[in-house]
Amino acid sequence: MKASYFTMATMLCAQVRGRTANGVFLPAELAYSLPQPFQGPEAQNGNFSTNFVNTQTQNTSVNRLLRDARAATYYAFDEEFYAILGGQHPPLSEIGSQDPGSAFEAGVWVPELNEVWFTSIGSSPPTYISILDLETHSVRRPEIPELRDVNPNGGYYFNGLVYFAIAGNESALAGATGIVSVDPKTYKVTSIINSFFGLVMVSVDDLAWVKPNASAGATSCAVPGEYNLFFSSFDFGSEGVLGFAPTVLPNAVWRFSPQTKSLQGVISRADILKPNGLRTDPTGSYLYVTDAAFPFNVGGGANSSGSGAIYRYDLDRFCTPVNKQMVAIVRSYADGMHIDDYGRIWTAEYDGVIVRDPRGKVLGVFNAEALLGVEIAPIANFALAGDKLVILAVDRIYIIELGQNVTTPERFSIP
């Protein structure tokens, strides 16, 4: 049946180049102790949307290291990063010649089809969906009429379906914002959430499903047979991005349980001003949320209620987020996020794709400075697909073969 949909899909030509990634090891001390005097990139151009490795010092050796890092695929701060890569020069494939802005958000691995689904940049709606075949490295754009004008954004694969966060359209009928599921084999679309007691949802950005924790003595998400969907929503217009859903409800993180037929706000904007990326750990014990309160929008000092940061919440037995903890403050802001099977935290930031250990220590960075082919946007998201990292680099895609199987399909299905 899928073949009939192929005839309706736009096939995108792509130039694929295979090579190996190169990297630089930076002493961890450079993250917090630089030779003085030094000048960070924010002082050079007046904002935080630049890379740490653009920092300038008067130490020749340090400057040489940072210069080499600027040109490298990655830079590492810890030896564990090489264990993730499987060595210093992992295989790297570049899939170029994508439409500008087409490779930006979602990054959804569909394991049974060996595909990654992703969405285009949100600053010029309407957004659209594309699909990368990990076997052939071909990219196609499926024709899904129900999603043509509603601006799909973040995504998640769960139990055989691809779920999309719908950012909505200010000119569309109320109800276009929310969550939908798509059958990846038939492209059938089902609306899951489109309102809250008659109110239009604020633009939905990202989502994640949590299974019941069946481990002995579990105290988190432990109600048998109940699984929960978390999603983040915030006012896109506050960033100056127009064309999306009207602002009626406040920014929030929400929880939906299909078993109890309940939709509830569980994290308010008083806790996280602008909730963006959202994921759970492999055990379903924690919920991670990024706050995309950009320093250059809300200010970096004490007069701002939000922080560009990553937070972790414990999930209690009813799957309610409790015990908020800050895992990391980020240099600019963190957007898309994934948690691998080892509990490591991967985030898309202005510097690139940053990998932290479960305690928040930066292990290494896949460098946006070297990967971005155009400068219309930062890297917003990526996919972890078994032993592959798929980086959505705006007008191109990079596939890095890792030395570890960082995600397994069992995490995304119900037994």
Protein backbone atom coordinates (compact mmCIF):
# COMPACT_ATOMS: atom_id res chain seq x y z
CA MET A 1 0.00 0.00 0.00
CA LYS A 2 2.90 2.34 0.72
CA ALA A 3 3.96 2.20 -2.94
CA SER A 4 0.78 3.98 -3.95
CA TYR A 5 1.75 6.85 -1.67
CA PHE A 6 5.21 6.97 -3.19
CA THR A 7 3.59 8.00 -6.46
CA MET A 8 2.17 11.05 -4.71
CA ALA A 9 5.38 11.98 -2.92
CA THR A 10 7.92 14.48 -4.12
CA MET A 11 11.29 12.79 -4.54
CA LEU A 12 14.15 15.13 -3.68
CA CYS A 13 17.48 14.65 -5.41
CA ALA A 14 20.47 14.74 -3.10
CA GLN A 15 24.20 14.66 -3.51
CA VAL A 16 25.71 12.19 -1.05
CA ARG A 17 29.33 12.50 -0.02
CA GLY A 18 30.97 9.92 2.21
CA ARG A 19 34.01 10.72 4.32
CA THR A 20 35.14 10.51 7.93
CA ALA A 21 34.53 12.98 10.71
CA ASN A 22 37.49 14.82 12.17
CA GLY A 23 37.79 16.27 15.62
CA VAL A 24 39.83 18.13 18.20
CA PHE A 25 40.27 17.32 21.88
CA LEU A 26 39.98 20.43 24.07
CA PRO A 27 41.12 20.45 27.70
CA ALA A 28 38.01 20.54 29.87
CA GLU A 29 39.49 23.48 31.79
CA LEU A 30 38.93 25.75 28.78
CA ALA A 31 35.21 25.60 29.50
CA TYR A 32 35.70 27.57 32.70
CA SER A 33 39.25 28.93 32.84
CA LEU A 34 40.73 30.75 29.85
CA PRO A 35 44.06 32.57 29.61
CA GLN A 36 43.49 36.24 30.31
CA PRO A 37 42.74 38.54 28.69
CA PHE A 38 40.16 36.83 26.47
CA GLN A 39 37.23 37.95 24.38
CA GLY A 40 34.20 35.74 23.97
CA PRO A 41 32.21 35.80 20.73
CA GLU A 42 29.24 37.50 22.39
CA ALA A 43 31.46 40.51 23.05
CA GLN A 44 32.60 40.50 19.44
CA ASN A 45 29.17 40.63 17.80
CA GLY A 46 26.75 41.60 20.57
CA ASN A 47 24.77 38.37 20.91
CA PHE A 48 25.08 34.75 21.98
CA SER A 49 24.33 33.09 18.62
CA THR A 50 27.93 32.11 17.99
CA ASN A 51 30.18 29.22 18.84
CA PHE A 52 32.38 28.92 21.93
CA VAL A 53 35.36 28.07 19.70
CA ASN A 54 35.25 31.60 18.27
CA THR A 55 36.65 32.85 21.58
CA GLN A 56 39.92 34.78 21.25
CA THR A 57 42.77 34.87 23.74
CA GLN A 58 46.36 36.13 23.65
CA ASN A 59 47.71 32.60 24.15
CA THR A 60 49.01 31.22 20.84
CA SER A 61 48.55 27.54 21.73
CA VAL A 62 44.98 28.00 22.94
CA ASN A 63 44.08 30.07 19.89
CA ARG A 64 45.48 27.36 17.63
CA LEU A 65 43.37 24.72 19.39
CA LEU A 66 40.22 26.82 19.07
CA ARG A 67 40.98 27.58 15.43
CA ASP A 68 41.37 23.86 14.68
CA ALA A 69 38.13 23.16 16.54
CA ARG A 70 36.25 25.72 14.42
CA ALA A 71 37.05 23.69 11.30
CA ALA A 72 36.43 20.26 12.87
CA THR A 73 33.30 18.10 12.71
CA TYR A 74 33.38 17.79 16.48
CA TYR A 75 35.38 18.81 19.52
CA ALA A 76 35.60 16.66 22.64
CA PHE A 77 36.09 17.59 26.29
CA ASP A 78 36.08 14.04 27.69
CA GLU A 79 37.37 10.64 26.57
CA GLU A 80 33.85 9.21 26.89
CA PHE A 81 32.97 11.13 23.74
CA TYR A 82 35.37 8.92 21.76
CA ALA A 83 33.61 5.83 23.13
CA ILE A 84 30.36 7.20 21.70
CA LEU A 85 32.06 7.82 18.34
CA GLY A 86 33.90 4.51 18.29
CA GLY A 87 37.20 6.29 17.65
CA GLN A 88 38.47 9.62 16.43
CA HIS A 89 37.30 9.33 12.81
CA PRO A 90 33.78 7.85 12.55
CA PRO A 91 32.23 7.51 9.07
CA LEU A 92 30.34 10.62 7.98
CA SER A 93 27.89 11.00 5.09
CA GLU A 94 26.69 14.38 3.88
CA ILE A 95 23.39 14.55 2.02
CA GLY A 96 23.39 17.96 0.40
CA SER A 97 21.23 19.91 -2.04
CA GLN A 98 18.12 20.00 0.13
CA ASP A 99 15.69 22.89 -0.22
CA PRO A 100 16.80 25.76 2.06
CA GLY A 101 15.26 25.27 5.48
CA SER A 102 13.85 21.80 4.76
CA ALA A 103 15.95 19.93 7.36
CA PHE A 104 15.21 21.55 10.68
CA GLU A 105 12.84 20.06 13.26
CA ALA A 106 11.45 16.75 14.63
CA GLY A 107 14.12 14.13 13.85
CA VAL A 108 11.91 11.06 14.33
CA TRP A 109 13.48 7.62 13.88
CA VAL A 110 11.00 5.01 12.56
CA PRO A 111 12.93 1.81 13.27
CA GLU A 112 10.78 -0.72 11.40
CA LEU A 113 11.14 1.29 8.17
CA ASN A 114 14.71 2.47 8.82
CA GLU A 115 13.62 6.06 8.19
CA VAL A 116 13.97 9.47 9.81
CA TRP A 117 11.05 11.89 9.50
CA PHE A 118 11.70 15.62 9.89
CA THR A 119 10.06 18.99 9.33
CA SER A 120 11.14 22.26 7.74
CA ILE A 121 12.06 25.55 9.38
CA GLY A 122 9.29 27.35 11.21
CA SER A 123 10.22 30.94 10.43
CA SER A 124 8.59 30.77 7.00
CA PRO A 125 5.37 28.73 7.29
CA PRO A 126 3.79 26.55 6.15
CA THR A 127 6.20 23.87 7.30
CA TYR A 128 6.27 20.44 5.66
CA ILE A 129 7.47 16.90 6.33
CA SER A 130 10.33 15.07 4.62
CA ILE A 131 11.52 11.49 5.03
CA LEU A 132 15.11 10.21 4.90
CA ASP A 133 15.67 6.56 3.95
CA LEU A 134 18.68 5.49 6.03
CA GLU A 135 19.45 2.61 3.68
CA THR A 136 19.56 4.51 0.38
CA HIS A 137 20.15 8.04 1.78
CA SER A 138 17.35 9.27 -0.47
CA VAL A 139 14.93 11.96 0.72
CA ARG A 140 11.28 12.24 -0.28
CA ARG A 141 8.50 14.63 0.62
CA PRO A 142 5.21 12.80 1.21
CA GLU A 143 1.92 14.34 0.19
CA ILE A 144 -0.23 14.41 3.34
CA PRO A 145 -3.11 16.86 2.70
CA GLU A 146 -4.21 17.02 6.35
CA LEU A 147 -0.83 18.46 7.34
CA ARG A 148 -0.36 20.86 4.44
CA ASP A 149 -1.19 24.14 6.20
CA VAL A 150 -1.08 23.40 9.93
CA ASN A 151 2.70 23.63 10.45
CA PRO A 152 3.94 20.32 11.90
CA ASN A 153 6.96 20.91 14.13
CA GLY A 154 8.42 18.48 16.71
CA GLY A 155 7.82 14.75 16.47
CA TYR A 156 8.05 11.39 18.26
CA TYR A 157 7.71 7.74 17.27
CA PHE A 158 5.65 5.52 19.57
CA ASN A 159 4.06 2.11 19.17
CA GLY A 160 4.04 2.09 15.36
CA LEU A 161 2.92 5.69 14.80
CA VAL A 162 4.68 9.01 14.20
CA TYR A 163 3.27 11.80 16.37
CA PHE A 164 3.66 15.45 15.38
CA ALA A 165 3.34 18.63 17.40
CA ILE A 166 1.18 21.01 15.37
CA ALA A 167 2.12 24.68 15.66
CA GLY A 168 -1.11 25.80 13.98
CA ASN A 169 -1.98 28.55 11.54
CA GLU A 170 -3.41 31.92 12.46
CA SER A 171 -5.61 31.90 9.36
CA ALA A 172 -6.82 28.29 9.74
CA LEU A 173 -9.90 27.16 11.61
CA ALA A 174 -9.60 26.85 15.38
CA GLY A 175 -8.55 23.35 16.32
CA ALA A 176 -5.64 23.10 13.88
CA THR A 177 -3.16 23.31 16.76
CA GLY A 178 -2.35 20.27 18.89
CA ILE A 179 -1.13 16.69 18.39
CA VAL A 180 -1.73 14.31 15.48
CA SER A 181 -0.55 10.79 14.73
CA VAL A 182 0.52 9.56 11.30
CA ASP A 183 0.70 5.92 10.26
CA PRO A 184 4.13 5.75 8.56
CA LYS A 185 2.98 2.95 6.27
CA THR A 186 -0.29 4.45 5.03
CA TYR A 187 0.05 8.16 5.94
CA LYS A 188 -3.32 8.06 7.67
CA VAL A 189 -3.62 11.09 10.00
CA THR A 190 -5.57 11.00 13.26
CA SER A 191 -6.19 14.05 15.45
CA ILE A 192 -5.31 13.33 19.09
CA ILE A 193 -5.58 16.78 20.75
CA ASN A 194 -6.85 20.04 19.25
CA SER A 195 -8.18 22.12 22.17
CA PHE A 196 -8.53 22.57 25.92
CA PHE A 197 -12.13 23.04 27.08
CA GLY A 198 -12.95 24.90 23.90
CA LEU A 199 -9.80 27.03 23.82
CA VAL A 200 -7.28 26.83 20.99
CA MET A 201 -3.95 25.37 22.11
CA VAL A 202 -0.92 27.64 21.94
CA SER A 203 1.57 26.43 19.30
CA VAL A 204 2.73 22.94 20.26
CA ASP A 205 6.48 22.51 19.93
CA ASP A 206 7.63 19.06 21.05
CA LEU A 207 6.35 15.84 22.61
CA ALA A 208 7.32 12.51 24.20
CA TRP A 209 5.49 9.35 25.32
CA VAL A 210 6.19 7.60 28.64
CA LYS A 211 5.48 3.91 29.21
CA PRO A 212 4.62 2.48 32.63
CA ASN A 213 7.76 1.59 34.55
CA ALA A 214 7.47 -2.14 35.13
CA SER A 215 10.71 -2.54 37.10
CA ALA A 216 10.49 -4.00 40.56
CA GLY A 217 9.74 -1.41 43.19
CA ALA A 218 9.20 1.33 40.60
CA THR A 219 7.84 4.58 41.95
CA SER A 220 7.61 6.47 38.66
CA CYS A 221 4.85 6.14 36.05
CA ALA A 222 3.88 2.89 37.71
CA VAL A 223 0.12 2.69 37.05
CA PRO A 224 -0.31 -0.61 35.14
CA GLY A 225 -1.57 -0.24 31.58
CA GLU A 226 -1.37 3.56 31.62
CA TYR A 227 0.93 5.48 29.32
CA ASN A 228 1.25 9.23 29.08
CA LEU A 229 2.02 11.85 26.45
CA PHE A 230 3.88 15.00 27.47
CA PHE A 231 4.12 18.02 25.18
CA SER A 232 5.36 21.60 25.33
CA SER A 233 3.55 24.65 23.99
CA PHE A 234 4.59 28.29 23.80
CA ASP A 235 3.78 31.50 21.99
CA PHE A 236 5.87 31.50 18.79
CA GLY A 237 4.93 35.15 18.25
CA SER A 238 7.00 36.13 21.29
CA GLU A 239 10.06 35.33 19.14
CA GLY A 240 8.80 37.52 16.32
CA VAL A 241 7.74 34.47 14.27
CA LEU A 242 4.34 35.15 12.71
CA GLY A 243 1.78 32.96 11.00
CA PHE A 244 1.21 30.38 13.71
CA ALA A 245 -1.55 29.80 16.26
CA PRO A 246 -3.12 32.70 18.15
CA THR A 247 -2.10 33.06 21.79
CA VAL A 248 -4.98 32.14 24.08
CA LEU A 249 -3.55 29.77 26.70
CA PRO A 250 -0.27 30.42 28.57
CA ASN A 251 3.01 28.64 27.83
CA ALA A 252 3.03 25.24 29.56
CA VAL A 253 4.00 21.59 29.57
CA TRP A 254 0.97 19.30 29.31
CA ARG A 255 0.24 15.65 30.07
CA PHE A 256 -2.33 13.55 28.21
CA SER A 257 -3.41 10.06 29.23
CA PRO A 258 -5.57 8.19 26.69
CA GLN A 259 -6.58 5.64 29.36
CA THR A 260 -8.01 8.22 31.76
CA LYS A 261 -9.05 10.56 28.90
CA SER A 262 -7.43 13.47 30.70
CA LEU A 263 -5.45 16.49 29.45
CA GLN A 264 -3.77 18.52 32.20
CA GLY A 265 -1.19 21.27 32.45
CA VAL A 266 1.63 19.95 34.64
CA ILE A 267 4.40 22.59 34.37
CA SER A 268 3.53 26.28 34.26
CA ARG A 269 5.41 29.19 32.73
CA ALA A 270 6.24 30.24 36.28
CA ASP A 271 8.45 27.13 36.42
CA ILE A 272 9.69 27.16 32.82
CA LEU A 273 9.07 30.39 30.93
CA LYS A 274 9.33 29.00 27.40
CA PRO A 275 9.27 25.16 27.39
CA ASN A 276 10.71 23.79 24.17
CA GLY A 277 12.52 20.44 23.76
CA LEU A 278 11.09 17.63 25.84
CA ARG A 279 12.13 13.97 26.40
CA THR A 280 12.12 11.21 29.01
CA ASP A 281 14.91 8.88 30.07
CA PRO A 282 14.90 5.17 29.08
CA THR A 283 13.36 4.04 32.39
CA GLY A 284 10.52 6.56 32.41
CA SER A 285 11.79 7.95 35.72
CA TYR A 286 12.58 11.49 34.54
CA LEU A 287 11.17 14.17 32.29
CA TYR A 288 13.68 16.58 30.71
CA VAL A 289 12.61 20.00 29.42
CA THR A 290 14.61 22.79 27.79
CA ASP A 291 13.76 26.41 28.53
CA ALA A 292 14.23 28.44 25.34
CA ALA A 293 14.09 31.81 27.10
CA PHE A 294 16.68 33.39 24.81
CA PRO A 295 19.05 35.73 26.69
CA PHE A 296 18.83 38.29 23.89
CA ASN A 297 15.01 38.26 24.09
CA VAL A 298 14.32 38.16 27.82
CA GLY A 299 17.66 39.41 29.14
CA GLY A 300 20.41 37.50 30.84
CA GLY A 301 20.24 39.11 34.26
CA ALA A 302 18.09 39.02 37.37
CA ASN A 303 15.12 40.82 35.78
CA SER A 304 14.18 37.78 33.67
CA SER A 305 12.05 34.91 34.90
CA GLY A 306 13.41 32.39 32.39
CA SER A 307 16.82 30.84 31.79
CA GLY A 308 18.33 29.21 28.75
CA ALA A 309 18.70 25.87 30.51
CA ILE A 310 17.95 22.14 30.72
CA TYR A 311 15.78 20.92 33.59
CA ARG A 312 15.02 17.44 34.91
CA TYR A 313 11.90 16.45 36.82
CA ASP A 314 11.26 13.24 38.70
CA LEU A 315 8.11 11.46 37.54
CA ASP A 316 6.03 10.15 40.45
CA ARG A 317 3.90 7.01 40.33
CA PHE A 318 1.07 8.94 38.64
CA CYS A 319 3.51 10.30 36.03
CA THR A 320 3.37 13.82 37.44
CA PRO A 321 6.58 15.91 37.15
CA VAL A 322 7.96 16.77 40.61
CA ASN A 323 11.28 17.86 42.17
CA LYS A 324 12.57 20.23 39.50
CA GLN A 325 16.36 20.21 39.09
CA MET A 326 18.54 22.30 36.79
CA VAL A 327 20.87 20.04 34.83
CA ALA A 328 22.68 22.73 32.86
CA ILE A 329 22.66 26.39 31.93
CA VAL A 330 23.45 26.70 28.23
CA ARG A 331 25.45 29.38 26.41
CA SER A 332 22.53 30.50 24.25
CA TYR A 333 19.49 28.24 24.26
CA ALA A 334 18.73 24.57 23.83
CA ASP A 335 16.09 23.49 21.31
CA GLY A 336 15.54 19.84 20.34
CA MET A 337 16.61 17.16 22.82
CA HIS A 338 17.07 13.39 22.95
CA ILE A 339 18.05 11.12 25.85
CA ASP A 340 20.00 8.03 24.80
CA ASP A 341 19.89 4.54 26.33
CA TYR A 342 22.80 5.44 28.61
CA GLY A 343 20.94 8.43 30.09
CA ARG A 344 23.11 10.96 28.26
CA ILE A 345 21.48 14.23 27.24
CA TRP A 346 21.81 15.35 23.60
CA THR A 347 20.65 18.88 22.72
CA ALA A 348 20.61 21.10 19.64
CA GLU A 349 22.13 24.48 20.50
CA TYR A 350 23.80 27.34 18.65
CA ASP A 351 27.17 25.64 19.13
CA GLY A 352 25.83 22.45 17.51
CA VAL A 353 24.66 19.11 18.88
CA ILE A 354 25.96 18.93 22.44
CA VAL A 355 26.28 15.67 24.39
CA ARG A 356 26.21 15.76 28.21
CA ASP A 357 26.46 12.95 30.71
CA PRO A 358 23.49 12.37 33.07
CA ARG A 359 25.01 14.81 35.56
CA GLY A 360 25.14 17.59 32.96
CA LYS A 361 28.85 17.58 32.13
CA VAL A 362 29.58 18.42 28.48
CA LEU A 363 31.36 15.46 26.85
CA GLY A 364 31.62 16.88 23.35
CA VAL A 365 30.03 18.94 20.60
CA PHE A 366 29.18 18.18 16.98
CA ASN A 367 30.23 21.52 15.62
CA ALA A 368 27.66 23.76 13.92
CA GLU A 369 30.48 26.00 12.73
CA ALA A 370 31.68 23.26 10.37
CA LEU A 371 28.35 21.56 9.61
CA LEU A 372 25.99 24.38 8.64
CA GLY A 373 26.01 25.07 4.94
CA VAL A 374 23.87 28.20 5.24
CA GLU A 375 23.40 30.70 8.03
CA ILE A 376 19.63 31.23 7.95
CA ALA A 377 19.15 29.32 11.20
CA PRO A 378 20.98 27.29 13.85
CA ILE A 379 20.73 23.52 14.17
CA ALA A 380 17.36 22.96 15.84
CA ASN A 381 17.08 19.18 15.97
CA PHE A 382 18.49 15.81 15.00
CA ALA A 383 17.73 12.10 15.37
CA LEU A 384 19.33 9.24 17.27
CA ALA A 385 18.73 6.17 15.11
CA GLY A 386 20.30 3.10 16.67
CA ASP A 387 24.02 3.57 16.05
CA LYS A 388 23.56 6.66 13.89
CA LEU A 389 23.36 10.38 14.59
CA VAL A 390 21.33 12.22 11.94
CA ILE A 391 21.94 15.98 12.08
CA LEU A 392 19.38 18.25 10.43
CA ALA A 393 21.60 21.07 9.16
CA VAL A 394 18.98 23.32 7.54
CA ASP A 395 19.82 22.74 3.85
CA ARG A 396 21.66 19.43 4.24
CA ILE A 397 21.74 16.32 6.41
CA TYR A 398 24.70 14.61 8.06
CA ILE A 399 24.75 10.96 9.13
CA ILE A 400 27.50 10.00 11.58
CA GLU A 401 28.09 6.29 12.28
CA LEU A 402 28.57 5.95 16.02
CA GLY A 403 30.53 3.36 17.96
CA GLN A 404 27.58 2.59 20.23
CA ASN A 405 23.97 1.64 19.70
CA VAL A 406 22.64 4.66 21.58
CA THR A 407 18.92 3.95 21.09
CA THR A 408 16.93 0.72 20.76
CA PRO A 409 13.48 0.25 19.17
CA GLU A 410 12.10 -1.39 22.34
CA ARG A 411 12.01 2.02 24.03
CA PHE A 412 9.30 3.18 21.65
CA SER A 413 6.77 0.35 21.78
CA ILE A 414 4.35 -1.24 24.22
CA PRO A 415 4.99 -4.98 24.84
